[in-house]
Amino acid sequence: MALTAGIVGLPNVGKSTLFNAITKAGAEAANYPFATIDPNVGMVEVPDWRLQRLTELVHPKKTSTDNI
């Protein structure tokens, strides 16, 4: 199942900075309004301690984590 999320807010409030902090994508973040007009796309791995614990117990060949 795919999950899509967006960051919405007023101009020049730090949306691109937040996006860069979460995804490490390197989107342009400038100190003037409307610096980022085109949408940026990034992927983030979602860690789950329960999956890690199950992996330690069962020892599967491969473990797949969730991504947003």
PDB file of N, CA and C in Angstrom:
ATOM      1  N   MET A   1       0.846  -1.166   0.000  1.00  0.00           N
ATOM      2  CA  MET A   1       0.000   0.000   0.000  1.00  0.00           C
ATOM      3  C   MET A   1       0.896   1.236   0.000  1.00  0.00           C
ATOM      4  N   ALA A   2       0.625   2.156  -0.893  1.00  0.00           N
ATOM      5  CA  ALA A   2       1.406   3.386  -0.987  1.00  0.00           C
ATOM      6  C   ALA A   2       0.750   4.477  -0.148  1.00  0.00           C
ATOM      7  N   LEU A   3       1.575   5.273   0.479  1.00  0.00           N
ATOM      8  CA  LEU A   3       1.095   6.390   1.281  1.00  0.00           C
ATOM      9  C   LEU A   3       1.721   7.656   0.745  1.00  0.00           C
ATOM     10  N   THR A   4       0.904   8.660   0.510  1.00  0.00           N
ATOM     11  CA  THR A   4       1.380   9.941   0.014  1.00  0.00           C
ATOM     12  C   THR A   4       1.080  11.003   1.059  1.00  0.00           C
ATOM     13  N   ALA A   5       2.047  11.866   1.316  1.00  0.00           N
ATOM     14  CA  ALA A   5       1.875  12.938   2.294  1.00  0.00           C
ATOM     15  C   ALA A   5       2.340  14.246   1.674  1.00  0.00           C
ATOM     16  N   GLY A   6       1.828  15.352   2.163  1.00  0.00           N
ATOM     17  CA  GLY A   6       2.227  16.660   1.664  1.00  0.00           C
ATOM     18  C   GLY A   6       2.469  17.624   2.808  1.00  0.00           C
ATOM     19  N   ILE A   7       3.252  18.655   2.534  1.00  0.00           N
ATOM     20  CA  ILE A   7       3.518  19.721   3.502  1.00  0.00           C
ATOM     21  C   ILE A   7       2.895  20.986   2.932  1.00  0.00           C
ATOM     22  N   VAL A   8       1.964  21.565   3.661  1.00  0.00           N
ATOM     23  CA  VAL A   8       1.230  22.737   3.196  1.00  0.00           C
ATOM     24  C   VAL A   8       1.394  23.854   4.215  1.00  0.00           C
ATOM     25  N   GLY A   9       1.558  25.092   3.736  1.00  0.00           N
ATOM     26  CA  GLY A   9       1.669  26.220   4.650  1.00  0.00           C
ATOM     27  C   GLY A   9       1.839  27.532   3.917  1.00  0.00           C
ATOM     28  N   LEU A  10       1.890  28.590   4.663  1.00  0.00           N
ATOM     29  CA  LEU A  10       2.072  29.926   4.102  1.00  0.00           C
ATOM     30  C   LEU A  10       3.469  30.074   3.507  1.00  0.00           C
ATOM     31  N   PRO A  11       3.666  31.077   2.641  1.00  0.00           N
ATOM     32  CA  PRO A  11       4.995  31.291   2.056  1.00  0.00           C
ATOM     33  C   PRO A  11       6.035  31.655   3.115  1.00  0.00           C
ATOM     34  N   ASN A  12       7.260  31.159   2.922  1.00  0.00           N
ATOM     35  CA  ASN A  12       8.420  31.547   3.730  1.00  0.00           C
ATOM     36  C   ASN A  12       8.277  31.188   5.215  1.00  0.00           C
ATOM     37  N   VAL A  13       7.734  29.991   5.487  1.00  0.00           N
ATOM     38  CA  VAL A  13       7.598  29.561   6.881  1.00  0.00           C
ATOM     39  C   VAL A  13       8.454  28.340   7.217  1.00  0.00           C
ATOM     40  N   GLY A  14       9.163  27.774   6.220  1.00  0.00           N
ATOM     41  CA  GLY A  14      10.070  26.674   6.496  1.00  0.00           C
ATOM     42  C   GLY A  14       9.631  25.313   5.992  1.00  0.00           C
ATOM     43  N   LYS A  15       8.703  25.269   5.043  1.00  0.00           N
ATOM     44  CA  LYS A  15       8.261  23.981   4.505  1.00  0.00           C
ATOM     45  C   LYS A  15       9.404  23.232   3.834  1.00  0.00           C
ATOM     46  N   SER A  16      10.194  23.915   3.024  1.00  0.00           N
ATOM     47  CA  SER A  16      11.322  23.262   2.340  1.00  0.00           C
ATOM     48  C   SER A  16      12.395  22.834   3.337  1.00  0.00           C
ATOM     49  N   THR A  17      12.601  23.616   4.380  1.00  0.00           N
ATOM     50  CA  THR A  17      13.567  23.250   5.416  1.00  0.00           C
ATOM     51  C   THR A  17      13.114  21.986   6.137  1.00  0.00           C
ATOM     52  N   LEU A  18      11.839  21.895   6.464  1.00  0.00           N
ATOM     53  CA  LEU A  18      11.288  20.697   7.088  1.00  0.00           C
ATOM     54  C   LEU A  18      11.410  19.502   6.144  1.00  0.00           C
ATOM     55  N   PHE A  19      11.068  19.700   4.874  1.00  0.00           N
ATOM     56  CA  PHE A  19      11.186  18.640   3.867  1.00  0.00           C
ATOM     57  C   PHE A  19      12.620  18.131   3.783  1.00  0.00           C
ATOM     58  N   ASN A  20      13.583  19.046   3.749  1.00  0.00           N
ATOM     59  CA  ASN A  20      14.999  18.661   3.681  1.00  0.00           C
ATOM     60  C   ASN A  20      15.447  17.924   4.940  1.00  0.00           C
ATOM     61  N   ALA A  21      14.944  18.341   6.097  1.00  0.00           N
ATOM     62  CA  ALA A  21      15.319  17.684   7.353  1.00  0.00           C
ATOM     63  C   ALA A  21      14.787  16.251   7.409  1.00  0.00           C
ATOM     64  N   ILE A  22      13.605  16.033   6.871  1.00  0.00           N
ATOM     65  CA  ILE A  22      12.996  14.704   6.910  1.00  0.00           C
ATOM     66  C   ILE A  22      13.580  13.784   5.845  1.00  0.00           C
ATOM     67  N   THR A  23      13.722  14.289   4.610  1.00  0.00           N
ATOM     68  CA  THR A  23      14.104  13.425   3.482  1.00  0.00           C
ATOM     69  C   THR A  23      15.571  13.496   3.098  1.00  0.00           C
ATOM     70  N   LYS A  24      16.281  14.515   3.562  1.00  0.00           N
ATOM     71  CA  LYS A  24      17.678  14.743   3.151  1.00  0.00           C
ATOM     72  C   LYS A  24      17.791  14.849   1.630  1.00  0.00           C
ATOM     73  N   ALA A  25      16.777  15.484   0.998  1.00  0.00           N
ATOM     74  CA  ALA A  25      16.700  15.550  -0.464  1.00  0.00           C
ATOM     75  C   ALA A  25      17.446  16.741  -1.056  1.00  0.00           C
ATOM     76  N   GLY A  26      17.645  17.803  -0.324  1.00  0.00           N
ATOM     77  CA  GLY A  26      18.368  18.960  -0.849  1.00  0.00           C
ATOM     78  C   GLY A  26      17.512  19.892  -1.682  1.00  0.00           C
ATOM     79  N   ALA A  27      16.239  20.039  -1.340  1.00  0.00           N
ATOM     80  CA  ALA A  27      15.378  20.982  -2.052  1.00  0.00           C
ATOM     81  C   ALA A  27      15.821  22.411  -1.742  1.00  0.00           C
ATOM     82  N   GLU A  28      15.610  23.307  -2.700  1.00  0.00           N
ATOM     83  CA  GLU A  28      16.013  24.706  -2.500  1.00  0.00           C
ATOM     84  C   GLU A  28      15.228  25.309  -1.335  1.00  0.00           C
ATOM     85  N   ALA A  29      15.931  25.920  -0.409  1.00  0.00           N
ATOM     86  CA  ALA A  29      15.320  26.607   0.723  1.00  0.00           C
ATOM     87  C   ALA A  29      15.942  27.996   0.786  1.00  0.00           C
ATOM     88  N   ALA A  30      15.196  29.008   0.348  1.00  0.00           N
ATOM     89  CA  ALA A  30      15.717  30.373   0.290  1.00  0.00           C
ATOM     90  C   ALA A  30      14.920  31.268   1.231  1.00  0.00           C
ATOM     91  N   ASN A  31      15.473  32.423   1.543  1.00  0.00           N
ATOM     92  CA  ASN A  31      14.873  33.346   2.497  1.00  0.00           C
ATOM     93  C   ASN A  31      14.021  34.405   1.803  1.00  0.00           C
ATOM     94  N   TYR A  32      13.223  33.991   0.833  1.00  0.00           N
ATOM     95  CA  TYR A  32      12.274  34.893   0.197  1.00  0.00           C
ATOM     96  C   TYR A  32      11.054  34.081  -0.235  1.00  0.00           C
ATOM     97  N   PRO A  33       9.878  34.723  -0.267  1.00  0.00           N
ATOM     98  CA  PRO A  33       8.650  33.994  -0.602  1.00  0.00           C
ATOM     99  C   PRO A  33       8.690  33.424  -2.021  1.00  0.00           C
ATOM    100  N   PHE A  34       8.015  32.297  -2.206  1.00  0.00           N
ATOM    101  CA  PHE A  34       7.839  31.625  -3.498  1.00  0.00           C
ATOM    102  C   PHE A  34       9.156  31.172  -4.121  1.00  0.00           C
ATOM    103  N   ALA A  35      10.150  30.843  -3.308  1.00  0.00           N
ATOM    104  CA  ALA A  35      11.418  30.320  -3.827  1.00  0.00           C
ATOM    105  C   ALA A  35      11.220  28.907  -4.379  1.00  0.00           C
ATOM    106  N   THR A  36      10.318  28.157  -3.778  1.00  0.00           N
ATOM    107  CA  THR A  36      10.043  26.794  -4.227  1.00  0.00           C
ATOM    108  C   THR A  36       8.664  26.771  -4.870  1.00  0.00           C
ATOM    109  N   ILE A  37       8.624  26.754  -6.185  1.00  0.00           N
ATOM    110  CA  ILE A  37       7.356  26.737  -6.912  1.00  0.00           C
ATOM    111  C   ILE A  37       7.000  25.309  -7.338  1.00  0.00           C
ATOM    112  N   ASP A  38       7.977  24.579  -7.869  1.00  0.00           N
ATOM    113  CA  ASP A  38       7.736  23.213  -8.331  1.00  0.00           C
ATOM    114  C   ASP A  38       7.727  22.248  -7.147  1.00  0.00           C
ATOM    115  N   PRO A  39       6.868  21.221  -7.193  1.00  0.00           N
ATOM    116  CA  PRO A  39       6.827  20.256  -6.096  1.00  0.00           C
ATOM    117  C   PRO A  39       8.118  19.450  -5.992  1.00  0.00           C
ATOM    118  N   ASN A  40       8.485  19.103  -4.779  1.00  0.00           N
ATOM    119  CA  ASN A  40       9.635  18.239  -4.511  1.00  0.00           C
ATOM    120  C   ASN A  40       9.114  16.881  -4.058  1.00  0.00           C
ATOM    121  N   VAL A  41       9.810  15.825  -4.443  1.00  0.00           N
ATOM    122  CA  VAL A  41       9.396  14.474  -4.088  1.00  0.00           C
ATOM    123  C   VAL A  41      10.539  13.794  -3.348  1.00  0.00           C
ATOM    124  N   GLY A  42      10.224  13.133  -2.258  1.00  0.00           N
ATOM    125  CA  GLY A  42      11.241  12.425  -1.486  1.00  0.00           C
ATOM    126  C   GLY A  42      10.662  11.170  -0.857  1.00  0.00           C
ATOM    127  N   MET A  43      11.532  10.276  -0.439  1.00  0.00           N
ATOM    128  CA  MET A  43      11.137   9.035   0.230  1.00  0.00           C
ATOM    129  C   MET A  43      11.750   9.019   1.626  1.00  0.00           C
ATOM    130  N   VAL A  44      10.981   8.525   2.587  1.00  0.00           N
ATOM    131  CA  VAL A  44      11.441   8.440   3.971  1.00  0.00           C
ATOM    132  C   VAL A  44      11.158   7.035   4.486  1.00  0.00           C
ATOM    133  N   GLU A  45      12.166   6.399   5.064  1.00  0.00           N
ATOM    134  CA  GLU A  45      11.968   5.093   5.681  1.00  0.00           C
ATOM    135  C   GLU A  45      11.344   5.293   7.056  1.00  0.00           C
ATOM    136  N   VAL A  46      10.338   4.485   7.361  1.00  0.00           N
ATOM    137  CA  VAL A  46       9.645   4.581   8.642  1.00  0.00           C
ATOM    138  C   VAL A  46      10.102   3.427   9.532  1.00  0.00           C
ATOM    139  N   PRO A  47      10.931   3.709  10.539  1.00  0.00           N
ATOM    140  CA  PRO A  47      11.410   2.626  11.408  1.00  0.00           C
ATOM    141  C   PRO A  47      10.289   2.091  12.303  1.00  0.00           C
ATOM    142  N   ASP A  48      10.325   0.799  12.561  1.00  0.00           N
ATOM    143  CA  ASP A  48       9.326   0.163  13.421  1.00  0.00           C
ATOM    144  C   ASP A  48      10.045  -0.826  14.338  1.00  0.00           C
ATOM    145  N   TRP A  49      10.084  -0.545  15.610  1.00  0.00           N
ATOM    146  CA  TRP A  49      10.804  -1.387  16.557  1.00  0.00           C
ATOM    147  C   TRP A  49      10.213  -2.788  16.610  1.00  0.00           C
ATOM    148  N   ARG A  50       8.899  -2.925  16.342  1.00  0.00           N
ATOM    149  CA  ARG A  50       8.274  -4.249  16.369  1.00  0.00           C
ATOM    150  C   ARG A  50       8.803  -5.127  15.241  1.00  0.00           C
ATOM    151  N   LEU A  51       8.987  -4.532  14.065  1.00  0.00           N
ATOM    152  CA  LEU A  51       9.540  -5.277  12.936  1.00  0.00           C
ATOM    153  C   LEU A  51      10.972  -5.704  13.231  1.00  0.00           C
ATOM    154  N   GLN A  52      11.739  -4.823  13.841  1.00  0.00           N
ATOM    155  CA  GLN A  52      13.117  -5.155  14.213  1.00  0.00           C
ATOM    156  C   GLN A  52      13.148  -6.322  15.198  1.00  0.00           C
ATOM    157  N   ARG A  53      12.256  -6.297  16.162  1.00  0.00           N
ATOM    158  CA  ARG A  53      12.195  -7.377  17.162  1.00  0.00           C
ATOM    159  C   ARG A  53      11.816  -8.707  16.511  1.00  0.00           C
ATOM    160  N   LEU A  54      10.826  -8.684  15.596  1.00  0.00           N
ATOM    161  CA  LEU A  54      10.435  -9.905  14.888  1.00  0.00           C
ATOM    162  C   LEU A  54      11.580 -10.444  14.043  1.00  0.00           C
ATOM    163  N   THR A  55      12.333  -9.544  13.421  1.00  0.00           N
ATOM    164  CA  THR A  55      13.487  -9.953  12.617  1.00  0.00           C
ATOM    165  C   THR A  55      14.531 -10.654  13.481  1.00  0.00           C
ATOM    166  N   GLU A  56      14.742 -10.153  14.683  1.00  0.00           N
ATOM    167  CA  GLU A  56      15.698 -10.779  15.596  1.00  0.00           C
ATOM    168  C   GLU A  56      15.238 -12.170  16.042  1.00  0.00           C
ATOM    169  N   LEU A  57      13.926 -12.354  16.186  1.00  0.00           N
ATOM    170  CA  LEU A  57      13.387 -13.632  16.647  1.00  0.00           C
ATOM    171  C   LEU A  57      13.323 -14.686  15.541  1.00  0.00           C
ATOM    172  N   VAL A  58      12.903 -14.274  14.331  1.00  0.00           N
ATOM    173  CA  VAL A  58      12.613 -15.220  13.256  1.00  0.00           C
ATOM    174  C   VAL A  58      13.784 -15.420  12.302  1.00  0.00           C
ATOM    175  N   HIS A  59      14.632 -14.411  12.130  1.00  0.00           N
ATOM    176  CA  HIS A  59      15.770 -14.439  11.203  1.00  0.00           C
ATOM    177  C   HIS A  59      15.352 -14.702   9.751  1.00  0.00           C
ATOM    178  N   PRO A  60      14.500 -13.840   9.178  1.00  0.00           N
ATOM    179  CA  PRO A  60      14.102 -14.044   7.777  1.00  0.00           C
ATOM    180  C   PRO A  60      15.262 -13.739   6.829  1.00  0.00           C
ATOM    181  N   LYS A  61      15.142 -14.187   5.568  1.00  0.00           N
ATOM    182  CA  LYS A  61      16.172 -13.897   4.570  1.00  0.00           C
ATOM    183  C   LYS A  61      16.213 -12.410   4.247  1.00  0.00           C
ATOM    184  N   LYS A  62      15.048 -11.762   4.267  1.00  0.00           N
ATOM    185  CA  LYS A  62      14.970 -10.345   3.920  1.00  0.00           C
ATOM    186  C   LYS A  62      13.918  -9.671   4.792  1.00  0.00           C
ATOM    187  N   THR A  63      14.190  -8.440   5.197  1.00  0.00           N
ATOM    188  CA  THR A  63      13.242  -7.626   5.950  1.00  0.00           C
ATOM    189  C   THR A  63      12.972  -6.356   5.164  1.00  0.00           C
ATOM    190  N   SER A  64      11.702  -6.069   4.910  1.00  0.00           N
ATOM    191  CA  SER A  64      11.326  -4.866   4.161  1.00  0.00           C
ATOM    192  C   SER A  64      10.652  -3.883   5.099  1.00  0.00           C
ATOM    193  N   THR A  65      11.170  -2.664   5.145  1.00  0.00           N
ATOM    194  CA  THR A  65      10.585  -1.627   5.992  1.00  0.00           C
ATOM    195  C   THR A  65       9.594  -0.795   5.191  1.00  0.00           C
ATOM    196  N   ASP A  66       8.802   0.005   5.893  1.00  0.00           N
ATOM    197  CA  ASP A  66       7.841   0.895   5.245  1.00  0.00           C
ATOM    198  C   ASP A  66       8.528   2.162   4.783  1.00  0.00           C
ATOM    199  N   ASN A  67       8.009   2.732   3.716  1.00  0.00           N
ATOM    200  CA  ASN A  67       8.488   4.012   3.188  1.00  0.00           C
ATOM    201  C   ASN A  67       7.305   4.922   2.929  1.00  0.00           C
ATOM    202  N   ILE A  68       7.522   6.207   3.154  1.00  0.00           N
ATOM    203  CA  ILE A  68       6.525   7.223   2.800  1.00  0.00           C
ATOM    204  C   ILE A  68       7.152   8.066   1.727  1.00  0.00           C
TER     205      ILE A  68
END
